[in-house]
Amino acid sequence: MSKTTDAAALVDFTFKEEVAAQPGGENLKRCFACGSCTLSCPVAEVEESYSPRRIIHMILLGLKEEVLSSKAIWYCLTCYRCQVRCPQEVKYPEIMRVLRKLAVEQGYVEPGFVQAVQDIDRKAQEHRRKLLKNLIEKDAEVRKTSTADGK
């Protein structure tokens, strides 16, 4: 078997259509790989291997198995920074939801994994809220002290 045939076996030419047919995936094929999504992504700032642009590119190339089995589709925080900055109105967070759904439905992850991810997200938000509350309270105390000192 030739290398071309082996590579073709890894490509699902209908994958981009499958993703685009799902609610939220409609604008997938508008992407022209400008990189605004990756540049605005807080995950990409701390995880150098994470690239929304690369994931979109892999979908468009038909690398279904590689995408749906990737841990990267679970890293997206769905903060919508990428979507707000996308000049083509590609709804990246919604595409990540589609990919996660397909990964579960097609057996790339166990259904219990989704609940574990949701638990992590909830705990992360609780932790963030506590940290912000402490910061706000400290800031208020500093302002109060500064005002009392006449500064």
Protein backbone atom coordinates (compact mmCIF):
# COMPACT_ATOMS: atom_id res chain seq x y z
CA MET A 1 0.00 0.00 0.00
CA SER A 2 1.37 3.44 -0.88
CA LYS A 3 1.84 6.34 1.52
CA THR A 4 -0.83 8.29 -0.36
CA THR A 5 -3.39 5.57 0.27
CA ASP A 6 -2.40 5.36 3.94
CA ALA A 7 -2.81 9.12 4.34
CA ALA A 8 -6.14 9.08 2.51
CA ALA A 9 -7.42 6.45 4.92
CA LEU A 10 -6.88 8.91 7.79
CA VAL A 11 -8.95 11.62 6.12
CA ASP A 12 -12.72 11.85 6.45
CA PHE A 13 -13.74 14.20 3.67
CA THR A 14 -17.22 14.61 5.17
CA PHE A 15 -16.03 15.65 8.63
CA LYS A 16 -16.19 19.40 8.02
CA GLU A 17 -19.72 18.96 6.66
CA GLU A 18 -20.68 16.92 9.74
CA VAL A 19 -19.42 19.67 12.05
CA ALA A 20 -20.90 22.50 9.95
CA ALA A 21 -24.31 20.80 9.95
CA GLN A 22 -24.54 21.01 13.74
CA PRO A 23 -25.98 24.09 15.51
CA GLY A 24 -23.03 26.40 16.16
CA GLY A 25 -20.86 24.94 13.41
CA GLU A 26 -22.49 26.75 10.50
CA ASN A 27 -19.68 29.29 9.95
CA LEU A 28 -16.83 26.78 10.23
CA LYS A 29 -15.92 26.95 6.55
CA ARG A 30 -15.63 30.75 6.66
CA CYS A 31 -12.33 30.47 8.55
CA PHE A 32 -9.37 31.79 6.58
CA ALA A 33 -6.80 31.01 9.31
CA CYS A 34 -6.00 34.60 10.31
CA GLY A 35 -5.06 33.49 13.83
CA SER A 36 -7.20 36.02 15.75
CA CYS A 37 -8.74 33.14 17.70
CA THR A 38 -5.42 31.80 18.91
CA LEU A 39 -4.03 35.26 19.68
CA SER A 40 -7.02 36.08 21.88
CA CYS A 41 -7.22 32.69 23.62
CA PRO A 42 -6.32 32.60 27.34
CA VAL A 43 -5.68 28.86 27.12
CA ALA A 44 -3.16 29.35 24.30
CA GLU A 45 -1.34 31.83 26.56
CA VAL A 46 -0.59 29.12 29.12
CA GLU A 47 -0.64 25.95 26.97
CA GLU A 48 1.67 26.46 24.03
CA SER A 49 0.44 23.34 22.23
CA TYR A 50 -3.16 24.64 22.18
CA SER A 51 -4.23 26.46 19.03
CA PRO A 52 -7.83 27.09 18.04
CA ARG A 53 -6.63 27.90 14.51
CA ARG A 54 -4.91 24.51 14.28
CA ILE A 55 -8.04 22.67 15.45
CA ILE A 56 -10.19 24.45 12.85
CA HIS A 57 -7.59 23.64 10.20
CA MET A 58 -7.60 19.96 11.20
CA ILE A 59 -11.41 19.86 10.92
CA LEU A 60 -11.26 21.42 7.47
CA LEU A 61 -8.65 18.87 6.41
CA GLY A 62 -10.91 16.02 7.54
CA LEU A 63 -8.73 14.72 10.38
CA LYS A 64 -11.76 13.46 12.27
CA GLU A 65 -10.16 10.74 14.39
CA GLU A 66 -7.24 12.96 15.36
CA VAL A 67 -9.56 15.83 16.35
CA LEU A 68 -12.18 13.82 18.23
CA SER A 69 -9.58 11.85 20.16
CA SER A 70 -7.57 14.98 21.02
CA LYS A 71 -7.40 16.27 24.57
CA ALA A 72 -7.27 19.77 23.06
CA ILE A 73 -11.02 19.91 22.39
CA TRP A 74 -11.56 19.81 26.16
CA TYR A 75 -9.22 22.73 26.92
CA CYS A 76 -11.47 25.48 25.53
CA LEU A 77 -12.92 27.62 28.34
CA THR A 78 -15.78 28.86 26.14
CA CYS A 79 -14.91 32.43 27.15
CA TYR A 80 -15.91 33.67 23.67
CA ARG A 81 -12.87 35.95 23.25
CA CYS A 82 -12.05 34.20 19.98
CA GLN A 83 -15.60 34.52 18.67
CA VAL A 84 -15.77 38.23 19.47
CA ARG A 85 -12.51 38.86 17.60
CA CYS A 86 -13.14 36.58 14.62
CA PRO A 87 -13.54 38.65 11.42
CA GLN A 88 -15.43 35.76 9.80
CA GLU A 89 -17.85 35.17 12.69
CA VAL A 90 -16.67 31.61 13.22
CA LYS A 91 -18.22 30.46 16.50
CA TYR A 92 -15.23 28.58 17.88
CA PRO A 93 -16.68 27.86 21.36
CA GLU A 94 -19.78 26.41 19.71
CA ILE A 95 -17.62 24.30 17.41
CA MET A 96 -15.83 22.96 20.51
CA ARG A 97 -19.22 22.00 21.94
CA VAL A 98 -20.02 20.18 18.69
CA LEU A 99 -16.67 18.35 18.76
CA ARG A 100 -17.16 17.32 22.40
CA LYS A 101 -20.65 16.05 21.63
CA LEU A 102 -19.39 14.07 18.64
CA ALA A 103 -16.48 12.68 20.67
CA VAL A 104 -18.90 11.32 23.26
CA GLU A 105 -21.47 10.07 20.76
CA GLN A 106 -18.86 8.32 18.65
CA GLY A 107 -17.07 6.68 21.56
CA TYR A 108 -13.87 8.70 21.72
CA VAL A 109 -14.52 9.44 25.42
CA GLU A 110 -16.72 7.88 28.06
CA PRO A 111 -19.90 9.79 29.01
CA GLY A 112 -18.65 10.03 32.62
CA PHE A 113 -15.71 12.06 31.36
CA VAL A 114 -18.05 14.92 30.45
CA GLN A 115 -19.42 15.06 33.99
CA ALA A 116 -15.86 15.13 35.36
CA VAL A 117 -15.02 18.05 33.05
CA GLN A 118 -18.16 19.89 34.17
CA ASP A 119 -17.19 19.30 37.82
CA ILE A 120 -13.72 20.72 37.16
CA ASP A 121 -15.22 23.77 35.44
CA ARG A 122 -17.59 24.39 38.36
CA LYS A 123 -14.79 24.05 40.93
CA ALA A 124 -12.55 26.36 38.90
CA GLN A 125 -15.28 29.00 38.81
CA GLU A 126 -15.86 28.67 42.56
CA HIS A 127 -12.12 29.07 43.17
CA ARG A 128 -11.97 32.09 40.84
CA ARG A 129 -14.92 33.71 42.62
CA LYS A 130 -13.23 33.23 46.02
CA LEU A 131 -9.96 34.70 44.77
CA LEU A 132 -11.75 37.70 43.25
CA LYS A 133 -13.78 38.23 46.41
CA ASN A 134 -10.56 38.29 48.47
CA LEU A 135 -8.93 40.69 46.03
CA ILE A 136 -11.94 43.03 46.08
CA GLU A 137 -12.07 42.97 49.87
CA LYS A 138 -8.32 43.72 50.13
CA ASP A 139 -8.66 46.53 47.61
CA ALA A 140 -11.58 48.00 49.57
CA GLU A 141 -9.52 47.80 52.77
CA VAL A 142 -6.55 49.55 51.11
CA ARG A 143 -8.84 52.30 49.80
CA LYS A 144 -10.46 52.67 53.22
CA THR A 145 -7.06 52.93 54.91
CA SER A 146 -5.79 55.41 52.29
CA THR A 147 -8.87 57.58 52.73
CA ALA A 148 -8.60 57.49 56.50
CA ASP A 149 -4.92 58.51 56.28
CA GLY A 150 -5.85 61.42 54.00
CA LYS A 151 -3.90 60.05 51.05
